[in-house]
Amino acid sequence: MFTLAQARCLVATLRPRIDDLIRLRADLAELHADLAEHGTSPFGGRAEGKALEARLHAVLDELHQHDVQVKGIAPLLLDLPGERNGRPVLWCWLEGDPDIGWYHRVECGFPGRRPV
């Protein structure tokens, strides 16, 4: 369980890896689109695509090791377990957010997001 301050600190600490994941996701999407349309890509071929996928999964594994729940990858949506007013919540970070500014009750999911 993370306090809000701990969750914010962890996201800030992991930010370089989060940025890596976003970049890898974009590179992989472009590689697949290029291969489908032209049969070639500046990002390489099928072997390079597999390598990008492996690197992306390594970052996901690293996030999971820190108890970060990855709820979506495009856009990237991260939840960190915590507690608010004695009730279990998930501190919620969505790609593009400068900081954790949202939470939701565990049973409510994304539709139950509220500002911190």
PDB file of N, CA and C in Angstrom:
ATOM      1  N   MET A   1       0.836  -1.184   0.000  1.00  0.00           N
ATOM      2  CA  MET A   1       0.000   0.000   0.000  1.00  0.00           C
ATOM      3  C   MET A   1       0.882   1.249   0.000  1.00  0.00           C
ATOM      4  N   PHE A   2       0.547   2.164  -0.843  1.00  0.00           N
ATOM      5  CA  PHE A   2       1.292   3.413  -0.952  1.00  0.00           C
ATOM      6  C   PHE A   2       0.462   4.563  -0.389  1.00  0.00           C
ATOM      7  N   THR A   3       1.121   5.458   0.318  1.00  0.00           N
ATOM      8  CA  THR A   3       0.478   6.737   0.595  1.00  0.00           C
ATOM      9  C   THR A   3       0.504   7.521  -0.722  1.00  0.00           C
ATOM     10  N   LEU A   4      -0.262   8.585  -0.779  1.00  0.00           N
ATOM     11  CA  LEU A   4      -0.240   9.412  -1.988  1.00  0.00           C
ATOM     12  C   LEU A   4       1.171   9.945  -2.238  1.00  0.00           C
ATOM     13  N   ALA A   5       1.836  10.397  -1.183  1.00  0.00           N
ATOM     14  CA  ALA A   5       3.202  10.926  -1.338  1.00  0.00           C
ATOM     15  C   ALA A   5       4.149   9.844  -1.853  1.00  0.00           C
ATOM     16  N   GLN A   6       4.043   8.628  -1.336  1.00  0.00           N
ATOM     17  CA  GLN A   6       4.897   7.531  -1.798  1.00  0.00           C
ATOM     18  C   GLN A   6       4.602   7.188  -3.258  1.00  0.00           C
ATOM     19  N   ALA A   7       3.322   7.165  -3.627  1.00  0.00           N
ATOM     20  CA  ALA A   7       2.944   6.856  -5.013  1.00  0.00           C
ATOM     21  C   ALA A   7       3.499   7.913  -5.964  1.00  0.00           C
ATOM     22  N   ARG A   8       3.382   9.173  -5.564  1.00  0.00           N
ATOM     23  CA  ARG A   8       3.910  10.256  -6.401  1.00  0.00           C
ATOM     24  C   ARG A   8       5.422  10.148  -6.545  1.00  0.00           C
ATOM     25  N   CYS A   9       6.102   9.836  -5.457  1.00  0.00           N
ATOM     26  CA  CYS A   9       7.560   9.690  -5.492  1.00  0.00           C
ATOM     27  C   CYS A   9       7.972   8.529  -6.394  1.00  0.00           C
ATOM     28  N   LEU A  10       7.247   7.412  -6.299  1.00  0.00           N
ATOM     29  CA  LEU A  10       7.586   6.252  -7.126  1.00  0.00           C
ATOM     30  C   LEU A  10       7.387   6.558  -8.604  1.00  0.00           C
ATOM     31  N   VAL A  11       6.280   7.195  -8.951  1.00  0.00           N
ATOM     32  CA  VAL A  11       6.049   7.537 -10.364  1.00  0.00           C
ATOM     33  C   VAL A  11       7.141   8.477 -10.857  1.00  0.00           C
ATOM     34  N   ALA A  12       7.535   9.441 -10.035  1.00  0.00           N
ATOM     35  CA  ALA A  12       8.616  10.359 -10.433  1.00  0.00           C
ATOM     36  C   ALA A  12       9.932   9.598 -10.615  1.00  0.00           C
ATOM     37  N   THR A  13      10.211   8.660  -9.726  1.00  0.00           N
ATOM     38  CA  THR A  13      11.439   7.864  -9.816  1.00  0.00           C
ATOM     39  C   THR A  13      11.432   6.978 -11.049  1.00  0.00           C
ATOM     40  N   LEU A  14      10.269   6.406 -11.357  1.00  0.00           N
ATOM     41  CA  LEU A  14      10.152   5.499 -12.501  1.00  0.00           C
ATOM     42  C   LEU A  14       9.919   6.231 -13.820  1.00  0.00           C
ATOM     43  N   ARG A  15       9.828   7.535 -13.784  1.00  0.00           N
ATOM     44  CA  ARG A  15       9.482   8.302 -14.983  1.00  0.00           C
ATOM     45  C   ARG A  15      10.385   8.009 -16.180  1.00  0.00           C
ATOM     46  N   PRO A  16      11.701   7.862 -16.007  1.00  0.00           N
ATOM     47  CA  PRO A  16      12.516   7.520 -17.183  1.00  0.00           C
ATOM     48  C   PRO A  16      12.106   6.179 -17.809  1.00  0.00           C
ATOM     49  N   ARG A  17      11.762   5.207 -16.992  1.00  0.00           N
ATOM     50  CA  ARG A  17      11.335   3.907 -17.522  1.00  0.00           C
ATOM     51  C   ARG A  17       9.946   4.018 -18.153  1.00  0.00           C
ATOM     52  N   ILE A  18       9.078   4.825 -17.562  1.00  0.00           N
ATOM     53  CA  ILE A  18       7.746   5.063 -18.129  1.00  0.00           C
ATOM     54  C   ILE A  18       7.901   5.709 -19.505  1.00  0.00           C
ATOM     55  N   ASP A  19       8.793   6.692 -19.613  1.00  0.00           N
ATOM     56  CA  ASP A  19       9.045   7.352 -20.901  1.00  0.00           C
ATOM     57  C   ASP A  19       9.617   6.358 -21.912  1.00  0.00           C
ATOM     58  N   ASP A  20      10.489   5.435 -21.439  1.00  0.00           N
ATOM     59  CA  ASP A  20      11.010   4.382 -22.319  1.00  0.00           C
ATOM     60  C   ASP A  20       9.872   3.538 -22.862  1.00  0.00           C
ATOM     61  N   LEU A  21       8.942   3.164 -21.994  1.00  0.00           N
ATOM     62  CA  LEU A  21       7.821   2.328 -22.416  1.00  0.00           C
ATOM     63  C   LEU A  21       6.991   3.031 -23.491  1.00  0.00           C
ATOM     64  N   ILE A  22       6.725   4.298 -23.284  1.00  0.00           N
ATOM     65  CA  ILE A  22       5.935   5.072 -24.253  1.00  0.00           C
ATOM     66  C   ILE A  22       6.667   5.144 -25.593  1.00  0.00           C
ATOM     67  N   ARG A  23       7.975   5.364 -25.554  1.00  0.00           N
ATOM     68  CA  ARG A  23       8.770   5.419 -26.790  1.00  0.00           C
ATOM     69  C   ARG A  23       8.792   4.060 -27.487  1.00  0.00           C
ATOM     70  N   LEU A  24       9.003   2.996 -26.714  1.00  0.00           N
ATOM     71  CA  LEU A  24       9.022   1.650 -27.301  1.00  0.00           C
ATOM     72  C   LEU A  24       7.678   1.313 -27.935  1.00  0.00           C
ATOM     73  N   ARG A  25       6.606   1.678 -27.273  1.00  0.00           N
ATOM     74  CA  ARG A  25       5.262   1.435 -27.804  1.00  0.00           C
ATOM     75  C   ARG A  25       5.083   2.138 -29.151  1.00  0.00           C
ATOM     76  N   ALA A  26       5.533   3.397 -29.239  1.00  0.00           N
ATOM     77  CA  ALA A  26       5.409   4.164 -30.486  1.00  0.00           C
ATOM     78  C   ALA A  26       6.290   3.574 -31.581  1.00  0.00           C
ATOM     79  N   ASP A  27       7.538   3.204 -31.231  1.00  0.00           N
ATOM     80  CA  ASP A  27       8.435   2.605 -32.218  1.00  0.00           C
ATOM     81  C   ASP A  27       7.844   1.311 -32.774  1.00  0.00           C
ATOM     82  N   LEU A  28       7.293   0.503 -31.892  1.00  0.00           N
ATOM     83  CA  LEU A  28       6.717  -0.769 -32.308  1.00  0.00           C
ATOM     84  C   LEU A  28       5.496  -0.553 -33.202  1.00  0.00           C
ATOM     85  N   ALA A  29       4.669   0.421 -32.854  1.00  0.00           N
ATOM     86  CA  ALA A  29       3.488   0.722 -33.676  1.00  0.00           C
ATOM     87  C   ALA A  29       3.910   1.179 -35.069  1.00  0.00           C
ATOM     88  N   GLU A  30       4.922   2.045 -35.154  1.00  0.00           N
ATOM     89  CA  GLU A  30       5.397   2.524 -36.453  1.00  0.00           C
ATOM     90  C   GLU A  30       6.025   1.395 -37.260  1.00  0.00           C
ATOM     91  N   LEU A  31       6.803   0.552 -36.597  1.00  0.00           N
ATOM     92  CA  LEU A  31       7.422  -0.573 -37.290  1.00  0.00           C
ATOM     93  C   LEU A  31       6.346  -1.472 -37.897  1.00  0.00           C
ATOM     94  N   HIS A  32       5.328  -1.819 -37.112  1.00  0.00           N
ATOM     95  CA  HIS A  32       4.260  -2.682 -37.628  1.00  0.00           C
ATOM     96  C   HIS A  32       3.505  -2.019 -38.783  1.00  0.00           C
ATOM     97  N   ALA A  33       3.223  -0.717 -38.655  1.00  0.00           N
ATOM     98  CA  ALA A  33       2.519  -0.007 -39.725  1.00  0.00           C
ATOM     99  C   ALA A  33       3.355   0.040 -40.995  1.00  0.00           C
ATOM    100  N   ASP A  34       4.651   0.333 -40.849  1.00  0.00           N
ATOM    101  CA  ASP A  34       5.547   0.384 -42.013  1.00  0.00           C
ATOM    102  C   ASP A  34       5.630  -0.972 -42.701  1.00  0.00           C
ATOM    103  N   LEU A  35       5.792  -2.030 -41.904  1.00  0.00           N
ATOM    104  CA  LEU A  35       5.908  -3.364 -42.493  1.00  0.00           C
ATOM    105  C   LEU A  35       4.626  -3.759 -43.216  1.00  0.00           C
ATOM    106  N   ALA A  36       3.485  -3.416 -42.641  1.00  0.00           N
ATOM    107  CA  ALA A  36       2.207  -3.757 -43.268  1.00  0.00           C
ATOM    108  C   ALA A  36       2.004  -2.988 -44.568  1.00  0.00           C
ATOM    109  N   GLU A  37       2.439  -1.732 -44.592  1.00  0.00           N
ATOM    110  CA  GLU A  37       2.203  -0.894 -45.759  1.00  0.00           C
ATOM    111  C   GLU A  37       3.288  -1.032 -46.828  1.00  0.00           C
ATOM    112  N   HIS A  38       4.551  -1.098 -46.397  1.00  0.00           N
ATOM    113  CA  HIS A  38       5.654  -1.059 -47.358  1.00  0.00           C
ATOM    114  C   HIS A  38       6.542  -2.299 -47.356  1.00  0.00           C
ATOM    115  N   GLY A  39       6.419  -3.110 -46.333  1.00  0.00           N
ATOM    116  CA  GLY A  39       7.275  -4.283 -46.226  1.00  0.00           C
ATOM    117  C   GLY A  39       8.646  -3.976 -45.643  1.00  0.00           C
ATOM    118  N   THR A  40       8.930  -2.695 -45.407  1.00  0.00           N
ATOM    119  CA  THR A  40      10.193  -2.286 -44.796  1.00  0.00           C
ATOM    120  C   THR A  40       9.909  -1.157 -43.807  1.00  0.00           C
ATOM    121  N   SER A  41      10.873  -0.933 -42.923  1.00  0.00           N
ATOM    122  CA  SER A  41      10.724   0.137 -41.936  1.00  0.00           C
ATOM    123  C   SER A  41      12.102   0.634 -41.518  1.00  0.00           C
ATOM    124  N   PRO A  42      12.211   1.939 -41.228  1.00  0.00           N
ATOM    125  CA  PRO A  42      13.469   2.446 -40.677  1.00  0.00           C
ATOM    126  C   PRO A  42      13.788   1.812 -39.316  1.00  0.00           C
ATOM    127  N   PHE A  43      12.766   1.236 -38.672  1.00  0.00           N
ATOM    128  CA  PHE A  43      12.959   0.588 -37.369  1.00  0.00           C
ATOM    129  C   PHE A  43      13.440  -0.847 -37.515  1.00  0.00           C
ATOM    130  N   GLY A  44      13.496  -1.359 -38.727  1.00  0.00           N
ATOM    131  CA  GLY A  44      13.976  -2.710 -38.956  1.00  0.00           C
ATOM    132  C   GLY A  44      12.887  -3.619 -39.487  1.00  0.00           C
ATOM    133  N   GLY A  45      13.059  -4.897 -39.220  1.00  0.00           N
ATOM    134  CA  GLY A  45      12.118  -5.901 -39.694  1.00  0.00           C
ATOM    135  C   GLY A  45      11.502  -6.669 -38.535  1.00  0.00           C
ATOM    136  N   ARG A  46      11.103  -7.895 -38.836  1.00  0.00           N
ATOM    137  CA  ARG A  46      10.433  -8.715 -37.820  1.00  0.00           C
ATOM    138  C   ARG A  46      11.324  -8.979 -36.618  1.00  0.00           C
ATOM    139  N   ALA A  47      12.603  -9.215 -36.836  1.00  0.00           N
ATOM    140  CA  ALA A  47      13.518  -9.488 -35.720  1.00  0.00           C
ATOM    141  C   ALA A  47      13.619  -8.273 -34.794  1.00  0.00           C
ATOM    142  N   GLU A  48      13.713  -7.088 -35.378  1.00  0.00           N
ATOM    143  CA  GLU A  48      13.775  -5.868 -34.569  1.00  0.00           C
ATOM    144  C   GLU A  48      12.456  -5.629 -33.841  1.00  0.00           C
ATOM    145  N   GLY A  49      11.358  -6.013 -34.484  1.00  0.00           N
ATOM    146  CA  GLY A  49      10.047  -5.913 -33.828  1.00  0.00           C
ATOM    147  C   GLY A  49       9.984  -6.807 -32.600  1.00  0.00           C
ATOM    148  N   LYS A  50      10.492  -8.021 -32.718  1.00  0.00           N
ATOM    149  CA  LYS A  50      10.525  -8.940 -31.570  1.00  0.00           C
ATOM    150  C   LYS A  50      11.414  -8.380 -30.464  1.00  0.00           C
ATOM    151  N   ALA A  51      12.518  -7.755 -30.839  1.00  0.00           N
ATOM    152  CA  ALA A  51      13.407  -7.155 -29.839  1.00  0.00           C
ATOM    153  C   ALA A  51      12.713  -5.993 -29.131  1.00  0.00           C
ATOM    154  N   LEU A  52      11.989  -5.167 -29.888  1.00  0.00           N
ATOM    155  CA  LEU A  52      11.238  -4.064 -29.274  1.00  0.00           C
ATOM    156  C   LEU A  52      10.184  -4.602 -28.315  1.00  0.00           C
ATOM    157  N   GLU A  53       9.482  -5.661 -28.739  1.00  0.00           N
ATOM    158  CA  GLU A  53       8.475  -6.268 -27.865  1.00  0.00           C
ATOM    159  C   GLU A  53       9.114  -6.779 -26.577  1.00  0.00           C
ATOM    160  N   ALA A  54      10.270  -7.407 -26.681  1.00  0.00           N
ATOM    161  CA  ALA A  54      10.953  -7.928 -25.498  1.00  0.00           C
ATOM    162  C   ALA A  54      11.348  -6.791 -24.562  1.00  0.00           C
ATOM    163  N   ARG A  55      11.840  -5.688 -25.117  1.00  0.00           N
ATOM    164  CA  ARG A  55      12.223  -4.544 -24.284  1.00  0.00           C
ATOM    165  C   ARG A  55      11.008  -3.911 -23.629  1.00  0.00           C
ATOM    166  N   LEU A  56       9.898  -3.829 -24.360  1.00  0.00           N
ATOM    167  CA  LEU A  56       8.662  -3.286 -23.809  1.00  0.00           C
ATOM    168  C   LEU A  56       8.185  -4.155 -22.645  1.00  0.00           C
ATOM    169  N   HIS A  57       8.209  -5.464 -22.817  1.00  0.00           N
ATOM    170  CA  HIS A  57       7.772  -6.374 -21.749  1.00  0.00           C
ATOM    171  C   HIS A  57       8.714  -6.317 -20.545  1.00  0.00           C
ATOM    172  N   ALA A  58       9.989  -6.062 -20.772  1.00  0.00           N
ATOM    173  CA  ALA A  58      10.933  -5.923 -19.658  1.00  0.00           C
ATOM    174  C   ALA A  58      10.586  -4.699 -18.808  1.00  0.00           C
ATOM    175  N   VAL A  59      10.195  -3.606 -19.460  1.00  0.00           N
ATOM    176  CA  VAL A  59       9.790  -2.411 -18.703  1.00  0.00           C
ATOM    177  C   VAL A  59       8.505  -2.697 -17.942  1.00  0.00           C
ATOM    178  N   LEU A  60       7.545  -3.371 -18.576  1.00  0.00           N
ATOM    179  CA  LEU A  60       6.300  -3.735 -17.882  1.00  0.00           C
ATOM    180  C   LEU A  60       6.596  -4.593 -16.662  1.00  0.00           C
ATOM    181  N   ASP A  61       7.492  -5.569 -16.810  1.00  0.00           N
ATOM    182  CA  ASP A  61       7.877  -6.422 -15.681  1.00  0.00           C
ATOM    183  C   ASP A  61       8.501  -5.590 -14.556  1.00  0.00           C
ATOM    184  N   GLU A  62       9.329  -4.629 -14.927  1.00  0.00           N
ATOM    185  CA  GLU A  62       9.959  -3.767 -13.927  1.00  0.00           C
ATOM    186  C   GLU A  62       8.905  -2.973 -13.151  1.00  0.00           C
ATOM    187  N   LEU A  63       7.908  -2.452 -13.855  1.00  0.00           N
ATOM    188  CA  LEU A  63       6.832  -1.716 -13.175  1.00  0.00           C
ATOM    189  C   LEU A  63       6.086  -2.639 -12.216  1.00  0.00           C
ATOM    190  N   HIS A  64       5.788  -3.845 -12.671  1.00  0.00           N
ATOM    191  CA  HIS A  64       5.083  -4.805 -11.807  1.00  0.00           C
ATOM    192  C   HIS A  64       5.898  -5.135 -10.560  1.00  0.00           C
ATOM    193  N   GLN A  65       7.211  -5.204 -10.675  1.00  0.00           N
ATOM    194  CA  GLN A  65       8.070  -5.493  -9.522  1.00  0.00           C
ATOM    195  C   GLN A  65       7.968  -4.403  -8.457  1.00  0.00           C
ATOM    196  N   HIS A  66       7.552  -3.216  -8.854  1.00  0.00           N
ATOM    197  CA  HIS A  66       7.367  -2.099  -7.914  1.00  0.00           C
ATOM    198  C   HIS A  66       5.909  -2.000  -7.451  1.00  0.00           C
ATOM    199  N   ASP A  67       5.111  -3.035  -7.712  1.00  0.00           N
ATOM    200  CA  ASP A  67       3.687  -3.082  -7.349  1.00  0.00           C
ATOM    201  C   ASP A  67       2.841  -2.053  -8.096  1.00  0.00           C
ATOM    202  N   VAL A  68       3.316  -1.636  -9.254  1.00  0.00           N
ATOM    203  CA  VAL A  68       2.546  -0.746 -10.121  1.00  0.00           C
ATOM    204  C   VAL A  68       1.700  -1.625 -11.029  1.00  0.00           C
ATOM    205  N   GLN A  69       0.401  -1.338 -11.064  1.00  0.00           N
ATOM    206  CA  GLN A  69      -0.512  -2.078 -11.926  1.00  0.00           C
ATOM    207  C   GLN A  69      -0.663  -1.329 -13.252  1.00  0.00           C
ATOM    208  N   VAL A  70      -0.377  -1.994 -14.335  1.00  0.00           N
ATOM    209  CA  VAL A  70      -0.530  -1.390 -15.662  1.00  0.00           C
ATOM    210  C   VAL A  70      -1.915  -1.774 -16.159  1.00  0.00           C
ATOM    211  N   LYS A  71      -2.802  -0.783 -16.240  1.00  0.00           N
ATOM    212  CA  LYS A  71      -4.196  -1.037 -16.619  1.00  0.00           C
ATOM    213  C   LYS A  71      -4.458  -0.794 -18.093  1.00  0.00           C
ATOM    214  N   GLY A  72      -3.582  -0.077 -18.747  1.00  0.00           N
ATOM    215  CA  GLY A  72      -3.708   0.180 -20.172  1.00  0.00           C
ATOM    216  C   GLY A  72      -2.367   0.625 -20.708  1.00  0.00           C
ATOM    217  N   ILE A  73      -2.157   0.356 -21.988  1.00  0.00           N
ATOM    218  CA  ILE A  73      -0.853   0.697 -22.564  1.00  0.00           C
ATOM    219  C   ILE A  73      -0.951   1.829 -23.585  1.00  0.00           C
ATOM    220  N   ALA A  74      -2.136   2.067 -24.138  1.00  0.00           N
ATOM    221  CA  ALA A  74      -2.287   3.149 -25.111  1.00  0.00           C
ATOM    222  C   ALA A  74      -3.663   3.792 -24.935  1.00  0.00           C
ATOM    223  N   PRO A  75      -3.785   4.815 -24.147  1.00  0.00           N
ATOM    224  CA  PRO A  75      -2.718   5.490 -23.421  1.00  0.00           C
ATOM    225  C   PRO A  75      -2.295   4.675 -22.202  1.00  0.00           C
ATOM    226  N   LEU A  76      -1.103   4.965 -21.720  1.00  0.00           N
ATOM    227  CA  LEU A  76      -0.568   4.273 -20.561  1.00  0.00           C
ATOM    228  C   LEU A  76      -1.351   4.694 -19.321  1.00  0.00           C
ATOM    229  N   LEU A  77      -1.854   3.706 -18.589  1.00  0.00           N
ATOM    230  CA  LEU A  77      -2.640   3.947 -17.382  1.00  0.00           C
ATOM    231  C   LEU A  77      -2.059   3.094 -16.268  1.00  0.00           C
ATOM    232  N   LEU A  78      -1.607   3.758 -15.197  1.00  0.00           N
ATOM    233  CA  LEU A  78      -0.978   3.076 -14.071  1.00  0.00           C
ATOM    234  C   LEU A  78      -1.801   3.290 -12.815  1.00  0.00           C
ATOM    235  N   ASP A  79      -1.963   2.224 -12.025  1.00  0.00           N
ATOM    236  CA  ASP A  79      -2.617   2.296 -10.729  1.00  0.00           C
ATOM    237  C   ASP A  79      -1.649   1.798  -9.665  1.00  0.00           C
ATOM    238  N   LEU A  80      -1.673   2.466  -8.519  1.00  0.00           N
ATOM    239  CA  LEU A  80      -0.847   2.070  -7.384  1.00  0.00           C
ATOM    240  C   LEU A  80      -1.772   1.911  -6.180  1.00  0.00           C
ATOM    241  N   PRO A  81      -1.730   0.762  -5.515  1.00  0.00           N
ATOM    242  CA  PRO A  81      -2.655   0.528  -4.407  1.00  0.00           C
ATOM    243  C   PRO A  81      -2.355   1.428  -3.214  1.00  0.00           C
ATOM    244  N   GLY A  82      -3.426   1.919  -2.596  1.00  0.00           N
ATOM    245  CA  GLY A  82      -3.298   2.776  -1.433  1.00  0.00           C
ATOM    246  C   GLY A  82      -4.550   2.738  -0.592  1.00  0.00           C
ATOM    247  N   GLU A  83      -4.654   3.718   0.270  1.00  0.00           N
ATOM    248  CA  GLU A  83      -5.812   3.814   1.152  1.00  0.00           C
ATOM    249  C   GLU A  83      -6.156   5.281   1.324  1.00  0.00           C
ATOM    250  N   ARG A  84      -7.432   5.574   1.322  1.00  0.00           N
ATOM    251  CA  ARG A  84      -7.914   6.948   1.525  1.00  0.00           C
ATOM    252  C   ARG A  84      -9.133   6.867   2.430  1.00  0.00           C
ATOM    253  N   ASN A  85      -9.084   7.574   3.519  1.00  0.00           N
ATOM    254  CA  ASN A  85     -10.180   7.578   4.491  1.00  0.00           C
ATOM    255  C   ASN A  85     -10.572   6.167   4.923  1.00  0.00           C
ATOM    256  N   GLY A  86      -9.565   5.321   5.125  1.00  0.00           N
ATOM    257  CA  GLY A  86      -9.813   3.963   5.598  1.00  0.00           C
ATOM    258  C   GLY A  86     -10.343   2.996   4.559  1.00  0.00           C
ATOM    259  N   ARG A  87     -10.384   3.414   3.320  1.00  0.00           N
ATOM    260  CA  ARG A  87     -10.931   2.582   2.250  1.00  0.00           C
ATOM    261  C   ARG A  87      -9.849   2.305   1.213  1.00  0.00           C
ATOM    262  N   PRO A  88      -9.749   1.055   0.725  1.00  0.00           N
ATOM    263  CA  PRO A  88      -8.758   0.764  -0.320  1.00  0.00           C
ATOM    264  C   PRO A  88      -9.060   1.552  -1.596  1.00  0.00           C
ATOM    265  N   VAL A  89      -8.013   2.158  -2.137  1.00  0.00           N
ATOM    266  CA  VAL A  89      -8.136   2.916  -3.387  1.00  0.00           C
ATOM    267  C   VAL A  89      -6.954   2.579  -4.281  1.00  0.00           C
ATOM    268  N   LEU A  90      -7.038   3.039  -5.499  1.00  0.00           N
ATOM    269  CA  LEU A  90      -5.913   2.980  -6.428  1.00  0.00           C
ATOM    270  C   LEU A  90      -5.584   4.413  -6.828  1.00  0.00           C
ATOM    271  N   TRP A  91      -4.343   4.813  -6.553  1.00  0.00           N
ATOM    272  CA  TRP A  91      -3.852   6.105  -7.031  1.00  0.00           C
ATOM    273  C   TRP A  91      -3.635   5.942  -8.523  1.00  0.00           C
ATOM    274  N   CYS A  92      -4.136   6.864  -9.306  1.00  0.00           N
ATOM    275  CA  CYS A  92      -4.260   6.660 -10.745  1.00  0.00           C
ATOM    276  C   CYS A  92      -3.435   7.696 -11.515  1.00  0.00           C
ATOM    277  N   TRP A  93      -2.538   7.202 -12.383  1.00  0.00           N
ATOM    278  CA  TRP A  93      -1.755   8.079 -13.265  1.00  0.00           C
ATOM    279  C   TRP A  93      -2.056   7.706 -14.700  1.00  0.00           C
ATOM    280  N   LEU A  94      -2.447   8.693 -15.485  1.00  0.00           N
ATOM    281  CA  LEU A  94      -2.754   8.507 -16.901  1.00  0.00           C
ATOM    282  C   LEU A  94      -1.728   9.262 -17.729  1.00  0.00           C
ATOM    283  N   GLU A  95      -1.255   8.630 -18.784  1.00  0.00           N
ATOM    284  CA  GLU A  95      -0.280   9.262 -19.680  1.00  0.00           C
ATOM    285  C   GLU A  95      -0.708  10.689 -19.985  1.00  0.00           C
ATOM    286  N   GLY A  96       0.231  11.601 -19.829  1.00  0.00           N
ATOM    287  CA  GLY A  96      -0.050  13.018 -20.045  1.00  0.00           C
ATOM    288  C   GLY A  96      -0.245  13.778 -18.742  1.00  0.00           C
ATOM    289  N   ASP A  97      -0.598  13.060 -17.657  1.00  0.00           N
ATOM    290  CA  ASP A  97      -0.734  13.708 -16.352  1.00  0.00           C
ATOM    291  C   ASP A  97       0.661  14.081 -15.842  1.00  0.00           C
ATOM    292  N   PRO A  98       0.842  15.289 -15.304  1.00  0.00           N
ATOM    293  CA  PRO A  98       2.145  15.660 -14.776  1.00  0.00           C
ATOM    294  C   PRO A  98       2.473  14.937 -13.465  1.00  0.00           C
ATOM    295  N   ASP A  99       1.431  14.489 -12.759  1.00  0.00           N
ATOM    296  CA  ASP A  99       1.598  13.880 -11.446  1.00  0.00           C
ATOM    297  C   ASP A  99       0.349  13.034 -11.171  1.00  0.00           C
ATOM    298  N   ILE A 100       0.363  12.292 -10.089  1.00  0.00           N
ATOM    299  CA  ILE A 100      -0.855  11.570  -9.699  1.00  0.00           C
ATOM    300  C   ILE A 100      -1.827  12.589  -9.140  1.00  0.00           C
ATOM    301  N   GLY A 101      -2.911  12.777  -9.826  1.00  0.00           N
ATOM    302  CA  GLY A 101      -3.918  13.747  -9.410  1.00  0.00           C
ATOM    303  C   GLY A 101      -5.286  13.115  -9.236  1.00  0.00           C
ATOM    304  N   TRP A 102      -5.352  11.779  -9.364  1.00  0.00           N
ATOM    305  CA  TRP A 102      -6.628  11.080  -9.339  1.00  0.00           C
ATOM    306  C   TRP A 102      -6.521   9.810  -8.506  1.00  0.00           C
ATOM    307  N   TYR A 103      -7.648   9.341  -8.054  1.00  0.00           N
ATOM    308  CA  TYR A 103      -7.747   8.051  -7.382  1.00  0.00           C
ATOM    309  C   TYR A 103      -9.123   7.475  -7.684  1.00  0.00           C
ATOM    310  N   HIS A 104      -9.293   6.202  -7.435  1.00  0.00           N
ATOM    311  CA  HIS A 104     -10.625   5.603  -7.502  1.00  0.00           C
ATOM    312  C   HIS A 104     -10.681   4.425  -6.557  1.00  0.00           C
ATOM    313  N   ARG A 105     -11.880   4.148  -6.076  1.00  0.00           N
ATOM    314  CA  ARG A 105     -12.056   2.967  -5.248  1.00  0.00           C
ATOM    315  C   ARG A 105     -11.736   1.746  -6.091  1.00  0.00           C
ATOM    316  N   VAL A 106     -11.205   0.730  -5.449  1.00  0.00           N
ATOM    317  CA  VAL A 106     -10.774  -0.471  -6.156  1.00  0.00           C
ATOM    318  C   VAL A 106     -11.916  -1.063  -6.969  1.00  0.00           C
ATOM    319  N   GLU A 107     -13.088  -1.127  -6.393  1.00  0.00           N
ATOM    320  CA  GLU A 107     -14.220  -1.776  -7.054  1.00  0.00           C
ATOM    321  C   GLU A 107     -14.878  -0.911  -8.131  1.00  0.00           C
ATOM    322  N   CYS A 108     -14.502   0.354  -8.224  1.00  0.00           N
ATOM    323  CA  CYS A 108     -15.151   1.251  -9.194  1.00  0.00           C
ATOM    324  C   CYS A 108     -14.375   1.392 -10.493  1.00  0.00           C
ATOM    325  N   GLY A 109     -13.070   1.163 -10.463  1.00  0.00           N
ATOM    326  CA  GLY A 109     -12.282   1.279 -11.678  1.00  0.00           C
ATOM    327  C   GLY A 109     -12.236   2.694 -12.218  1.00  0.00           C
ATOM    328  N   PHE A 110     -11.772   2.804 -13.462  1.00  0.00           N
ATOM    329  CA  PHE A 110     -11.558   4.102 -14.102  1.00  0.00           C
ATOM    330  C   PHE A 110     -12.803   4.998 -14.089  1.00  0.00           C
ATOM    331  N   PRO A 111     -14.014   4.445 -14.304  1.00  0.00           N
ATOM    332  CA  PRO A 111     -15.195   5.332 -14.282  1.00  0.00           C
ATOM    333  C   PRO A 111     -15.414   6.026 -12.936  1.00  0.00           C
ATOM    334  N   GLY A 112     -14.833   5.479 -11.870  1.00  0.00           N
ATOM    335  CA  GLY A 112     -15.004   6.075 -10.544  1.00  0.00           C
ATOM    336  C   GLY A 112     -13.884   7.031 -10.159  1.00  0.00           C
ATOM    337  N   ARG A 113     -13.065   7.437 -11.127  1.00  0.00           N
ATOM    338  CA  ARG A 113     -11.940   8.351 -10.823  1.00  0.00           C
ATOM    339  C   ARG A 113     -12.434   9.664 -10.247  1.00  0.00           C
ATOM    340  N   ARG A 114     -11.700  10.102  -9.233  1.00  0.00           N
ATOM    341  CA  ARG A 114     -11.982  11.391  -8.594  1.00  0.00           C
ATOM    342  C   ARG A 114     -10.662  12.137  -8.411  1.00  0.00           C
ATOM    343  N   PRO A 115     -10.717  13.471  -8.426  1.00  0.00           N
ATOM    344  CA  PRO A 115      -9.496  14.227  -8.160  1.00  0.00           C
ATOM    345  C   PRO A 115      -9.041  14.005  -6.721  1.00  0.00           C
ATOM    346  N   VAL A 116      -7.746  14.009  -6.516  1.00  0.00           N
ATOM    347  CA  VAL A 116      -7.187  13.832  -5.163  1.00  0.00           C
ATOM    348  C   VAL A 116      -7.593  15.009  -4.300  1.00  0.00           C
TER     349      VAL A 116
END
